Amino acid sequence: MRVSGRHLQVFLLPTGAGDLPPGSDSTPHPRLGLSVPRRVGAAVIRNRVRRRLREIFRRNRDLFASRSADVVINAKPSAGEAPFAELLEEYRSLIEKTLPRARAKRKSRPR
């Protein structure tokens, strides 16, 4: 599932408990992947965007409500100039859009 905003593009793949490798912690938790290209800015700016996105992800794990999912965030060039509050607001709105759609798609998939 993919959703785009002004500063971010979010890919969400729900994972089930059966997707966990044997012997691993069986509690579901979301995982994060980040892509911040050079077009965002110099290394200092790209690293700042990565730190902000990791912190936003950490603060908003409650959105997943004990569901497991893989989240990949691609930062757009405008993310380097965006304030933290704007990134936070966009992340929350994009995740809230994708979660219901991803759940519906997963249920309709034939087994």
PDB file of N, CA and C in Angstrom:
ATOM      1  N   MET A   1       0.844  -1.157   0.000  1.00  0.00           N
ATOM      2  CA  MET A   1       0.000   0.000   0.000  1.00  0.00           C
ATOM      3  C   MET A   1       0.903   1.238   0.000  1.00  0.00           C
ATOM      4  N   ARG A   2       0.634   2.175  -0.898  1.00  0.00           N
ATOM      5  CA  ARG A   2       1.460   3.374  -1.002  1.00  0.00           C
ATOM      6  C   ARG A   2       0.581   4.612  -0.948  1.00  0.00           C
ATOM      7  N   VAL A   3       1.045   5.608  -0.189  1.00  0.00           N
ATOM      8  CA  VAL A   3       0.353   6.885  -0.092  1.00  0.00           C
ATOM      9  C   VAL A   3       1.409   7.983  -0.126  1.00  0.00           C
ATOM     10  N   SER A   4       1.123   9.044  -0.864  1.00  0.00           N
ATOM     11  CA  SER A   4       2.075  10.159  -0.983  1.00  0.00           C
ATOM     12  C   SER A   4       1.502  11.423  -0.377  1.00  0.00           C
ATOM     13  N   GLY A   5       2.409  12.218   0.167  1.00  0.00           N
ATOM     14  CA  GLY A   5       2.076  13.524   0.699  1.00  0.00           C
ATOM     15  C   GLY A   5       3.024  14.546   0.123  1.00  0.00           C
ATOM     16  N   ARG A   6       3.051  15.716   0.714  1.00  0.00           N
ATOM     17  CA  ARG A   6       3.900  16.796   0.222  1.00  0.00           C
ATOM     18  C   ARG A   6       5.383  16.516   0.474  1.00  0.00           C
ATOM     19  N   HIS A   7       5.704  15.970   1.662  1.00  0.00           N
ATOM     20  CA  HIS A   7       7.105  15.752   2.030  1.00  0.00           C
ATOM     21  C   HIS A   7       7.493  14.275   2.081  1.00  0.00           C
ATOM     22  N   LEU A   8       6.507  13.392   2.194  1.00  0.00           N
ATOM     23  CA  LEU A   8       6.799  11.968   2.416  1.00  0.00           C
ATOM     24  C   LEU A   8       5.983  11.083   1.489  1.00  0.00           C
ATOM     25  N   GLN A   9       6.538   9.919   1.226  1.00  0.00           N
ATOM     26  CA  GLN A   9       5.819   8.856   0.549  1.00  0.00           C
ATOM     27  C   GLN A   9       5.933   7.648   1.461  1.00  0.00           C
ATOM     28  N   VAL A  10       4.786   7.042   1.808  1.00  0.00           N
ATOM     29  CA  VAL A  10       4.765   5.951   2.783  1.00  0.00           C
ATOM     30  C   VAL A  10       4.299   4.673   2.108  1.00  0.00           C
ATOM     31  N   PHE A  11       5.072   3.611   2.299  1.00  0.00           N
ATOM     32  CA  PHE A  11       4.700   2.275   1.856  1.00  0.00           C
ATOM     33  C   PHE A  11       4.415   1.465   3.112  1.00  0.00           C
ATOM     34  N   LEU A  12       3.288   0.763   3.132  1.00  0.00           N
ATOM     35  CA  LEU A  12       2.911  -0.019   4.304  1.00  0.00           C
ATOM     36  C   LEU A  12       2.588  -1.435   3.877  1.00  0.00           C
ATOM     37  N   LEU A  13       3.205  -2.402   4.542  1.00  0.00           N
ATOM     38  CA  LEU A  13       2.930  -3.811   4.295  1.00  0.00           C
ATOM     39  C   LEU A  13       2.603  -4.466   5.627  1.00  0.00           C
ATOM     40  N   PRO A  14       1.328  -4.824   5.854  1.00  0.00           N
ATOM     41  CA  PRO A  14       0.999  -5.495   7.107  1.00  0.00           C
ATOM     42  C   PRO A  14       1.620  -6.888   7.121  1.00  0.00           C
ATOM     43  N   THR A  15       2.144  -7.281   8.241  1.00  0.00           N
ATOM     44  CA  THR A  15       2.720  -8.613   8.394  1.00  0.00           C
ATOM     45  C   THR A  15       1.966  -9.340   9.483  1.00  0.00           C
ATOM     46  N   GLY A  16       1.732 -10.611   9.279  1.00  0.00           N
ATOM     47  CA  GLY A  16       1.015 -11.407  10.272  1.00  0.00           C
ATOM     48  C   GLY A  16       1.970 -12.085  11.224  1.00  0.00           C
ATOM     49  N   ALA A  17       1.425 -12.695  12.276  1.00  0.00           N
ATOM     50  CA  ALA A  17       2.257 -13.401  13.255  1.00  0.00           C
ATOM     51  C   ALA A  17       2.960 -14.587  12.616  1.00  0.00           C
ATOM     52  N   GLY A  18       2.360 -15.151  11.553  1.00  0.00           N
ATOM     53  CA  GLY A  18       2.975 -16.279  10.864  1.00  0.00           C
ATOM     54  C   GLY A  18       4.204 -15.892  10.067  1.00  0.00           C
ATOM     55  N   ASP A  19       4.408 -14.597   9.855  1.00  0.00           N
ATOM     56  CA  ASP A  19       5.549 -14.126   9.076  1.00  0.00           C
ATOM     57  C   ASP A  19       6.833 -14.040   9.892  1.00  0.00           C
ATOM     58  N   LEU A  20       6.726 -14.216  11.221  1.00  0.00           N
ATOM     59  CA  LEU A  20       7.907 -14.106  12.079  1.00  0.00           C
ATOM     60  C   LEU A  20       8.748 -15.362  12.000  1.00  0.00           C
ATOM     61  N   PRO A  21      10.073 -15.230  11.998  1.00  0.00           N
ATOM     62  CA  PRO A  21      10.928 -16.409  11.967  1.00  0.00           C
ATOM     63  C   PRO A  21      10.820 -17.199  13.270  1.00  0.00           C
ATOM     64  N   PRO A  22      11.019 -18.512  13.209  1.00  0.00           N
ATOM     65  CA  PRO A  22      10.929 -19.327  14.429  1.00  0.00           C
ATOM     66  C   PRO A  22      11.960 -18.887  15.463  1.00  0.00           C
ATOM     67  N   GLY A  23      11.550 -18.911  16.726  1.00  0.00           N
ATOM     68  CA  GLY A  23      12.461 -18.555  17.810  1.00  0.00           C
ATOM     69  C   GLY A  23      12.557 -17.070  18.073  1.00  0.00           C
ATOM     70  N   SER A  24      11.883 -16.243  17.273  1.00  0.00           N
ATOM     71  CA  SER A  24      11.940 -14.802  17.507  1.00  0.00           C
ATOM     72  C   SER A  24      10.854 -14.397  18.482  1.00  0.00           C
ATOM     73  N   ASP A  25      10.944 -13.171  18.950  1.00  0.00           N
ATOM     74  CA  ASP A  25       9.941 -12.623  19.846  1.00  0.00           C
ATOM     75  C   ASP A  25       8.598 -12.624  19.121  1.00  0.00           C
ATOM     76  N   SER A  26       7.577 -13.237  19.705  1.00  0.00           N
ATOM     77  CA  SER A  26       6.307 -13.406  19.009  1.00  0.00           C
ATOM     78  C   SER A  26       5.371 -12.203  19.146  1.00  0.00           C
ATOM     79  N   THR A  27       5.783 -11.165  19.870  1.00  0.00           N
ATOM     80  CA  THR A  27       4.914  -9.997  19.984  1.00  0.00           C
ATOM     81  C   THR A  27       5.018  -9.177  18.711  1.00  0.00           C
ATOM     82  N   PRO A  28       3.876  -8.808  18.131  1.00  0.00           N
ATOM     83  CA  PRO A  28       3.923  -8.031  16.886  1.00  0.00           C
ATOM     84  C   PRO A  28       4.377  -6.597  17.150  1.00  0.00           C
ATOM     85  N   HIS A  29       5.166  -6.085  16.261  1.00  0.00           N
ATOM     86  CA  HIS A  29       5.620  -4.702  16.364  1.00  0.00           C
ATOM     87  C   HIS A  29       5.930  -4.175  14.969  1.00  0.00           C
ATOM     88  N   PRO A  30       5.710  -2.895  14.754  1.00  0.00           N
ATOM     89  CA  PRO A  30       6.004  -2.316  13.446  1.00  0.00           C
ATOM     90  C   PRO A  30       7.510  -2.126  13.253  1.00  0.00           C
ATOM     91  N   ARG A  31       7.937  -2.223  11.999  1.00  0.00           N
ATOM     92  CA  ARG A  31       9.340  -1.993  11.663  1.00  0.00           C
ATOM     93  C   ARG A  31       9.418  -0.836  10.678  1.00  0.00           C
ATOM     94  N   LEU A  32      10.537  -0.118  10.706  1.00  0.00           N
ATOM     95  CA  LEU A  32      10.708   1.082   9.892  1.00  0.00           C
ATOM     96  C   LEU A  32      11.880   0.941   8.935  1.00  0.00           C
ATOM     97  N   GLY A  33      11.670   1.401   7.717  1.00  0.00           N
ATOM     98  CA  GLY A  33      12.731   1.536   6.727  1.00  0.00           C
ATOM     99  C   GLY A  33      12.704   2.958   6.203  1.00  0.00           C
ATOM    100  N   LEU A  34      13.868   3.557   6.016  1.00  0.00           N
ATOM    101  CA  LEU A  34      13.941   4.955   5.561  1.00  0.00           C
ATOM    102  C   LEU A  34      14.747   5.064   4.277  1.00  0.00           C
ATOM    103  N   SER A  35      14.314   5.949   3.414  1.00  0.00           N
ATOM    104  CA  SER A  35      15.048   6.289   2.206  1.00  0.00           C
ATOM    105  C   SER A  35      15.083   7.806   2.109  1.00  0.00           C
ATOM    106  N   VAL A  36      16.291   8.370   2.238  1.00  0.00           N
ATOM    107  CA  VAL A  36      16.446   9.824   2.161  1.00  0.00           C
ATOM    108  C   VAL A  36      17.506  10.090   1.085  1.00  0.00           C
ATOM    109  N   PRO A  37      17.060  10.425  -0.135  1.00  0.00           N
ATOM    110  CA  PRO A  37      18.002  10.597  -1.246  1.00  0.00           C
ATOM    111  C   PRO A  37      18.817  11.880  -1.135  1.00  0.00           C
ATOM    112  N   ARG A  38      19.853  11.974  -1.931  1.00  0.00           N
ATOM    113  CA  ARG A  38      20.740  13.144  -1.930  1.00  0.00           C
ATOM    114  C   ARG A  38      20.026  14.423  -2.333  1.00  0.00           C
ATOM    115  N   ARG A  39      18.933  14.301  -3.070  1.00  0.00           N
ATOM    116  CA  ARG A  39      18.191  15.497  -3.492  1.00  0.00           C
ATOM    117  C   ARG A  39      17.599  16.245  -2.298  1.00  0.00           C
ATOM    118  N   VAL A  40      17.479  15.561  -1.145  1.00  0.00           N
ATOM    119  CA  VAL A  40      16.945  16.216   0.058  1.00  0.00           C
ATOM    120  C   VAL A  40      17.911  17.285   0.541  1.00  0.00           C
ATOM    121  N   GLY A  41      19.208  17.048   0.381  1.00  0.00           N
ATOM    122  CA  GLY A  41      20.196  18.040   0.798  1.00  0.00           C
ATOM    123  C   GLY A  41      21.521  17.388   1.128  1.00  0.00           C
ATOM    124  N   ALA A  42      22.390  18.174   1.748  1.00  0.00           N
ATOM    125  CA  ALA A  42      23.705  17.682   2.151  1.00  0.00           C
ATOM    126  C   ALA A  42      23.544  16.619   3.250  1.00  0.00           C
ATOM    127  N   ALA A  43      24.634  15.966   3.594  1.00  0.00           N
ATOM    128  CA  ALA A  43      24.601  14.874   4.572  1.00  0.00           C
ATOM    129  C   ALA A  43      24.011  15.303   5.910  1.00  0.00           C
ATOM    130  N   VAL A  44      24.328  16.496   6.342  1.00  0.00           N
ATOM    131  CA  VAL A  44      23.812  16.992   7.620  1.00  0.00           C
ATOM    132  C   VAL A  44      22.292  17.074   7.590  1.00  0.00           C
ATOM    133  N   ILE A  45      21.751  17.565   6.507  1.00  0.00           N
ATOM    134  CA  ILE A  45      20.295  17.701   6.377  1.00  0.00           C
ATOM    135  C   ILE A  45      19.642  16.335   6.254  1.00  0.00           C
ATOM    136  N   ARG A  46      20.232  15.438   5.451  1.00  0.00           N
ATOM    137  CA  ARG A  46      19.668  14.089   5.310  1.00  0.00           C
ATOM    138  C   ARG A  46      19.655  13.366   6.642  1.00  0.00           C
ATOM    139  N   ASN A  47      20.719  13.490   7.416  1.00  0.00           N
ATOM    140  CA  ASN A  47      20.770  12.849   8.726  1.00  0.00           C
ATOM    141  C   ASN A  47      19.731  13.444   9.677  1.00  0.00           C
ATOM    142  N   ARG A  48      19.522  14.754   9.612  1.00  0.00           N
ATOM    143  CA  ARG A  48      18.501  15.384  10.445  1.00  0.00           C
ATOM    144  C   ARG A  48      17.115  14.864  10.082  1.00  0.00           C
ATOM    145  N   VAL A  49      16.844  14.713   8.786  1.00  0.00           N
ATOM    146  CA  VAL A  49      15.550  14.172   8.346  1.00  0.00           C
ATOM    147  C   VAL A  49      15.388  12.740   8.848  1.00  0.00           C
ATOM    148  N   ARG A  50      16.437  11.922   8.767  1.00  0.00           N
ATOM    149  CA  ARG A  50      16.373  10.542   9.275  1.00  0.00           C
ATOM    150  C   ARG A  50      16.078  10.516  10.774  1.00  0.00           C
ATOM    151  N   ARG A  51      16.787  11.343  11.541  1.00  0.00           N
ATOM    152  CA  ARG A  51      16.555  11.391  12.988  1.00  0.00           C
ATOM    153  C   ARG A  51      15.120  11.805  13.295  1.00  0.00           C
ATOM    154  N   ARG A  52      14.620  12.803  12.588  1.00  0.00           N
ATOM    155  CA  ARG A  52      13.248  13.258  12.812  1.00  0.00           C
ATOM    156  C   ARG A  52      12.244  12.154  12.483  1.00  0.00           C
ATOM    157  N   LEU A  53      12.438  11.475  11.371  1.00  0.00           N
ATOM    158  CA  LEU A  53      11.497  10.423  10.975  1.00  0.00           C
ATOM    159  C   LEU A  53      11.532   9.241  11.943  1.00  0.00           C
ATOM    160  N   ARG A  54      12.710   8.875  12.422  1.00  0.00           N
ATOM    161  CA  ARG A  54      12.793   7.795  13.426  1.00  0.00           C
ATOM    162  C   ARG A  54      12.083   8.187  14.706  1.00  0.00           C
ATOM    163  N   GLU A  55      12.239   9.432  15.133  1.00  0.00           N
ATOM    164  CA  GLU A  55      11.573   9.911  16.351  1.00  0.00           C
ATOM    165  C   GLU A  55      10.059   9.966  16.154  1.00  0.00           C
ATOM    166  N   ILE A  56       9.611  10.418  15.006  1.00  0.00           N
ATOM    167  CA  ILE A  56       8.174  10.445  14.712  1.00  0.00           C
ATOM    168  C   ILE A  56       7.606   9.032  14.737  1.00  0.00           C
ATOM    169  N   PHE A  57       8.309   8.095  14.128  1.00  0.00           N
ATOM    170  CA  PHE A  57       7.871   6.692  14.131  1.00  0.00           C
ATOM    171  C   PHE A  57       7.797   6.163  15.563  1.00  0.00           C
ATOM    172  N   ARG A  58       8.815   6.446  16.359  1.00  0.00           N
ATOM    173  CA  ARG A  58       8.856   5.963  17.743  1.00  0.00           C
ATOM    174  C   ARG A  58       7.690   6.525  18.560  1.00  0.00           C
ATOM    175  N   ARG A  59       7.414   7.810  18.399  1.00  0.00           N
ATOM    176  CA  ARG A  59       6.355   8.458  19.178  1.00  0.00           C
ATOM    177  C   ARG A  59       4.950   8.019  18.777  1.00  0.00           C
ATOM    178  N   ASN A  60       4.808   7.459  17.582  1.00  0.00           N
ATOM    179  CA  ASN A  60       3.478   7.142  17.060  1.00  0.00           C
ATOM    180  C   ASN A  60       3.240   5.653  16.850  1.00  0.00           C
ATOM    181  N   ARG A  61       3.927   4.825  17.586  1.00  0.00           N
ATOM    182  CA  ARG A  61       3.697   3.381  17.459  1.00  0.00           C
ATOM    183  C   ARG A  61       2.292   2.985  17.877  1.00  0.00           C
ATOM    184  N   ASP A  62       1.641   3.811  18.686  1.00  0.00           N
ATOM    185  CA  ASP A  62       0.287   3.499  19.126  1.00  0.00           C
ATOM    186  C   ASP A  62      -0.704   3.476  17.958  1.00  0.00           C
ATOM    187  N   LEU A  63      -0.380   4.080  16.828  1.00  0.00           N
ATOM    188  CA  LEU A  63      -1.261   4.045  15.659  1.00  0.00           C
ATOM    189  C   LEU A  63      -1.464   2.620  15.154  1.00  0.00           C
ATOM    190  N   PHE A  64      -0.475   1.756  15.396  1.00  0.00           N
ATOM    191  CA  PHE A  64      -0.547   0.383  14.896  1.00  0.00           C
ATOM    192  C   PHE A  64      -1.328  -0.541  15.829  1.00  0.00           C
ATOM    193  N   ALA A  65      -1.557  -0.148  17.064  1.00  0.00           N
ATOM    194  CA  ALA A  65      -2.386  -0.879  18.036  1.00  0.00           C
ATOM    195  C   ALA A  65      -2.104  -2.378  18.027  1.00  0.00           C
ATOM    196  N   SER A  66      -0.929  -2.758  18.402  1.00  0.00           N
ATOM    197  CA  SER A  66      -0.468  -4.153  18.524  1.00  0.00           C
ATOM    198  C   SER A  66      -0.567  -4.940  17.223  1.00  0.00           C
ATOM    199  N   ARG A  67      -0.551  -4.255  16.082  1.00  0.00           N
ATOM    200  CA  ARG A  67      -0.480  -4.933  14.782  1.00  0.00           C
ATOM    201  C   ARG A  67       0.956  -4.834  14.288  1.00  0.00           C
ATOM    202  N   SER A  68       1.348  -5.804  13.541  1.00  0.00           N
ATOM    203  CA  SER A  68       2.684  -5.816  12.979  1.00  0.00           C
ATOM    204  C   SER A  68       2.632  -5.291  11.549  1.00  0.00           C
ATOM    205  N   ALA A  69       3.593  -4.461  11.182  1.00  0.00           N
ATOM    206  CA  ALA A  69       3.633  -3.910   9.829  1.00  0.00           C
ATOM    207  C   ALA A  69       5.054  -3.472   9.506  1.00  0.00           C
ATOM    208  N   ASP A  70       5.369  -3.495   8.233  1.00  0.00           N
ATOM    209  CA  ASP A  70       6.619  -2.928   7.746  1.00  0.00           C
ATOM    210  C   ASP A  70       6.279  -1.590   7.099  1.00  0.00           C
ATOM    211  N   VAL A  71       6.937  -0.534   7.561  1.00  0.00           N
ATOM    212  CA  VAL A  71       6.696   0.813   7.057  1.00  0.00           C
ATOM    213  C   VAL A  71       7.986   1.304   6.411  1.00  0.00           C
ATOM    214  N   VAL A  72       7.884   1.728   5.150  1.00  0.00           N
ATOM    215  CA  VAL A  72       9.029   2.323   4.468  1.00  0.00           C
ATOM    216  C   VAL A  72       8.643   3.749   4.117  1.00  0.00           C
ATOM    217  N   ILE A  73       9.497   4.691   4.502  1.00  0.00           N
ATOM    218  CA  ILE A  73       9.234   6.102   4.243  1.00  0.00           C
ATOM    219  C   ILE A  73      10.299   6.631   3.297  1.00  0.00           C
ATOM    220  N   ASN A  74       9.842   7.174   2.171  1.00  0.00           N
ATOM    221  CA  ASN A  74      10.725   7.853   1.232  1.00  0.00           C
ATOM    222  C   ASN A  74      10.545   9.354   1.449  1.00  0.00           C
ATOM    223  N   ALA A  75      11.624  10.033   1.759  1.00  0.00           N
ATOM    224  CA  ALA A  75      11.564  11.484   1.953  1.00  0.00           C
ATOM    225  C   ALA A  75      11.684  12.172   0.602  1.00  0.00           C
ATOM    226  N   LYS A  76      10.847  13.161   0.392  1.00  0.00           N
ATOM    227  CA  LYS A  76      10.922  13.966  -0.826  1.00  0.00           C
ATOM    228  C   LYS A  76      11.860  15.149  -0.556  1.00  0.00           C
ATOM    229  N   PRO A  77      12.366  15.807  -1.603  1.00  0.00           N
ATOM    230  CA  PRO A  77      13.305  16.916  -1.402  1.00  0.00           C
ATOM    231  C   PRO A  77      12.808  18.010  -0.459  1.00  0.00           C
ATOM    232  N   SER A  78      11.505  18.238  -0.407  1.00  0.00           N
ATOM    233  CA  SER A  78      10.974  19.283   0.467  1.00  0.00           C
ATOM    234  C   SER A  78      11.056  18.918   1.951  1.00  0.00           C
ATOM    235  N   ALA A  79      11.306  17.652   2.268  1.00  0.00           N
ATOM    236  CA  ALA A  79      11.383  17.212   3.672  1.00  0.00           C
ATOM    237  C   ALA A  79      12.551  17.867   4.403  1.00  0.00           C
ATOM    238  N   GLY A  80      13.614  18.204   3.686  1.00  0.00           N
ATOM    239  CA  GLY A  80      14.770  18.841   4.312  1.00  0.00           C
ATOM    240  C   GLY A  80      14.464  20.216   4.868  1.00  0.00           C
ATOM    241  N   GLU A  81      13.501  20.904   4.298  1.00  0.00           N
ATOM    242  CA  GLU A  81      13.132  22.258   4.729  1.00  0.00           C
ATOM    243  C   GLU A  81      11.944  22.263   5.686  1.00  0.00           C
ATOM    244  N   ALA A  82      11.247  21.131   5.795  1.00  0.00           N
ATOM    245  CA  ALA A  82      10.007  21.086   6.581  1.00  0.00           C
ATOM    246  C   ALA A  82      10.292  21.071   8.078  1.00  0.00           C
ATOM    247  N   PRO A  83       9.501  21.806   8.863  1.00  0.00           N
ATOM    248  CA  PRO A  83       9.650  21.748  10.316  1.00  0.00           C
ATOM    249  C   PRO A  83       9.153  20.398  10.861  1.00  0.00           C
ATOM    250  N   PHE A  84       9.619  20.064  12.052  1.00  0.00           N
ATOM    251  CA  PHE A  84       9.282  18.785  12.679  1.00  0.00           C
ATOM    252  C   PHE A  84       7.767  18.602  12.774  1.00  0.00           C
ATOM    253  N   ALA A  85       7.051  19.639  13.203  1.00  0.00           N
ATOM    254  CA  ALA A  85       5.596  19.538  13.387  1.00  0.00           C
ATOM    255  C   ALA A  85       4.883  19.206  12.081  1.00  0.00           C
ATOM    256  N   GLU A  86       5.358  19.754  10.992  1.00  0.00           N
ATOM    257  CA  GLU A  86       4.741  19.488   9.690  1.00  0.00           C
ATOM    258  C   GLU A  86       4.986  18.040   9.258  1.00  0.00           C
ATOM    259  N   LEU A  87       6.214  17.535   9.480  1.00  0.00           N
ATOM    260  CA  LEU A  87       6.505  16.135   9.169  1.00  0.00           C
ATOM    261  C   LEU A  87       5.653  15.206  10.029  1.00  0.00           C
ATOM    262  N   LEU A  88       5.522  15.538  11.300  1.00  0.00           N
ATOM    263  CA  LEU A  88       4.717  14.734  12.223  1.00  0.00           C
ATOM    264  C   LEU A  88       3.264  14.664  11.764  1.00  0.00           C
ATOM    265  N   GLU A  89       2.697  15.801  11.437  1.00  0.00           N
ATOM    266  CA  GLU A  89       1.303  15.853  10.997  1.00  0.00           C
ATOM    267  C   GLU A  89       1.093  15.044   9.714  1.00  0.00           C
ATOM    268  N   GLU A  90       2.014  15.184   8.770  1.00  0.00           N
ATOM    269  CA  GLU A  90       1.883  14.449   7.510  1.00  0.00           C
ATOM    270  C   GLU A  90       2.037  12.948   7.725  1.00  0.00           C
ATOM    271  N   TYR A  91       3.006  12.543   8.543  1.00  0.00           N
ATOM    272  CA  TYR A  91       3.205  11.115   8.827  1.00  0.00           C
ATOM    273  C   TYR A  91       1.934  10.513   9.419  1.00  0.00           C
ATOM    274  N   ARG A  92       1.380  11.177  10.438  1.00  0.00           N
ATOM    275  CA  ARG A  92       0.169  10.655  11.091  1.00  0.00           C
ATOM    276  C   ARG A  92      -0.988  10.534  10.097  1.00  0.00           C
ATOM    277  N   SER A  93      -1.176  11.544   9.257  1.00  0.00           N
ATOM    278  CA  SER A  93      -2.293  11.487   8.313  1.00  0.00           C
ATOM    279  C   SER A  93      -2.085  10.392   7.268  1.00  0.00           C
ATOM    280  N   LEU A  94      -0.855  10.202   6.801  1.00  0.00           N
ATOM    281  CA  LEU A  94      -0.594   9.161   5.804  1.00  0.00           C
ATOM    282  C   LEU A  94      -0.773   7.764   6.395  1.00  0.00           C
ATOM    283  N   ILE A  95      -0.292   7.553   7.614  1.00  0.00           N
ATOM    284  CA  ILE A  95      -0.453   6.246   8.254  1.00  0.00           C
ATOM    285  C   ILE A  95      -1.927   5.965   8.524  1.00  0.00           C
ATOM    286  N   GLU A  96      -2.652   6.961   8.985  1.00  0.00           N
ATOM    287  CA  GLU A  96      -4.086   6.767   9.244  1.00  0.00           C
ATOM    288  C   GLU A  96      -4.851   6.467   7.959  1.00  0.00           C
ATOM    289  N   LYS A  97      -4.389   6.974   6.812  1.00  0.00           N
ATOM    290  CA  LYS A  97      -5.015   6.641   5.533  1.00  0.00           C
ATOM    291  C   LYS A  97      -4.704   5.214   5.108  1.00  0.00           C
ATOM    292  N   THR A  98      -3.468   4.780   5.308  1.00  0.00           N
ATOM    293  CA  THR A  98      -3.052   3.477   4.789  1.00  0.00           C
ATOM    294  C   THR A  98      -3.485   2.302   5.652  1.00  0.00           C
ATOM    295  N   LEU A  99      -3.553   2.464   6.958  1.00  0.00           N
ATOM    296  CA  LEU A  99      -3.872   1.315   7.815  1.00  0.00           C
ATOM    297  C   LEU A  99      -5.212   0.660   7.472  1.00  0.00           C
ATOM    298  N   PRO A 100      -6.315   1.394   7.355  1.00  0.00           N
ATOM    299  CA  PRO A 100      -7.576   0.717   7.016  1.00  0.00           C
ATOM    300  C   PRO A 100      -7.546   0.064   5.637  1.00  0.00           C
ATOM    301  N   ARG A 101      -6.921   0.715   4.664  1.00  0.00           N
ATOM    302  CA  ARG A 101      -6.842   0.153   3.312  1.00  0.00           C
ATOM    303  C   ARG A 101      -5.988  -1.095   3.287  1.00  0.00           C
ATOM    304  N   ALA A 102      -4.887  -1.092   4.045  1.00  0.00           N
ATOM    305  CA  ALA A 102      -3.996  -2.254   4.070  1.00  0.00           C
ATOM    306  C   ALA A 102      -4.682  -3.443   4.737  1.00  0.00           C
ATOM    307  N   ARG A 103      -5.446  -3.192   5.804  1.00  0.00           N
ATOM    308  CA  ARG A 103      -6.171  -4.282   6.479  1.00  0.00           C
ATOM    309  C   ARG A 103      -7.203  -4.889   5.551  1.00  0.00           C
ATOM    310  N   ALA A 104      -7.940  -4.054   4.822  1.00  0.00           N
ATOM    311  CA  ALA A 104      -8.967  -4.550   3.910  1.00  0.00           C
ATOM    312  C   ALA A 104      -8.348  -5.357   2.776  1.00  0.00           C
ATOM    313  N   LYS A 105      -7.218  -4.900   2.266  1.00  0.00           N
ATOM    314  CA  LYS A 105      -6.552  -5.600   1.178  1.00  0.00           C
ATOM    315  C   LYS A 105      -6.022  -6.948   1.649  1.00  0.00           C
ATOM    316  N   ARG A 106      -5.478  -7.005   2.863  1.00  0.00           N
ATOM    317  CA  ARG A 106      -4.934  -8.247   3.396  1.00  0.00           C
ATOM    318  C   ARG A 106      -6.049  -9.275   3.597  1.00  0.00           C
ATOM    319  N   LYS A 107      -7.220  -8.845   4.049  1.00  0.00           N
ATOM    320  CA  LYS A 107      -8.332  -9.758   4.281  1.00  0.00           C
ATOM    321  C   LYS A 107      -8.858 -10.322   2.965  1.00  0.00           C
ATOM    322  N   SER A 108      -8.845  -9.535   1.898  1.00  0.00           N
ATOM    323  CA  SER A 108      -9.406  -9.986   0.641  1.00  0.00           C
ATOM    324  C   SER A 108      -8.447 -10.846  -0.176  1.00  0.00           C
ATOM    325  N   ARG A 109      -7.200 -10.946   0.253  1.00  0.00           N
ATOM    326  CA  ARG A 109      -6.217 -11.727  -0.484  1.00  0.00           C
ATOM    327  C   ARG A 109      -6.526 -13.217  -0.345  1.00  0.00           C
ATOM    328  N   PRO A 110      -6.613 -13.991  -1.452  1.00  0.00           N
ATOM    329  CA  PRO A 110      -6.905 -15.431  -1.356  1.00  0.00           C
ATOM    330  C   PRO A 110      -5.733 -16.196  -0.762  1.00  0.00           C
ATOM    331  N   ARG A 111      -6.046 -17.225  -0.055  1.00  0.00           N
ATOM    332  CA  ARG A 111      -4.996 -18.057   0.579  1.00  0.00           C
ATOM    333  C   ARG A 111      -4.909 -19.392  -0.064  1.00  0.00           C
TER     334      ARG A 111
END
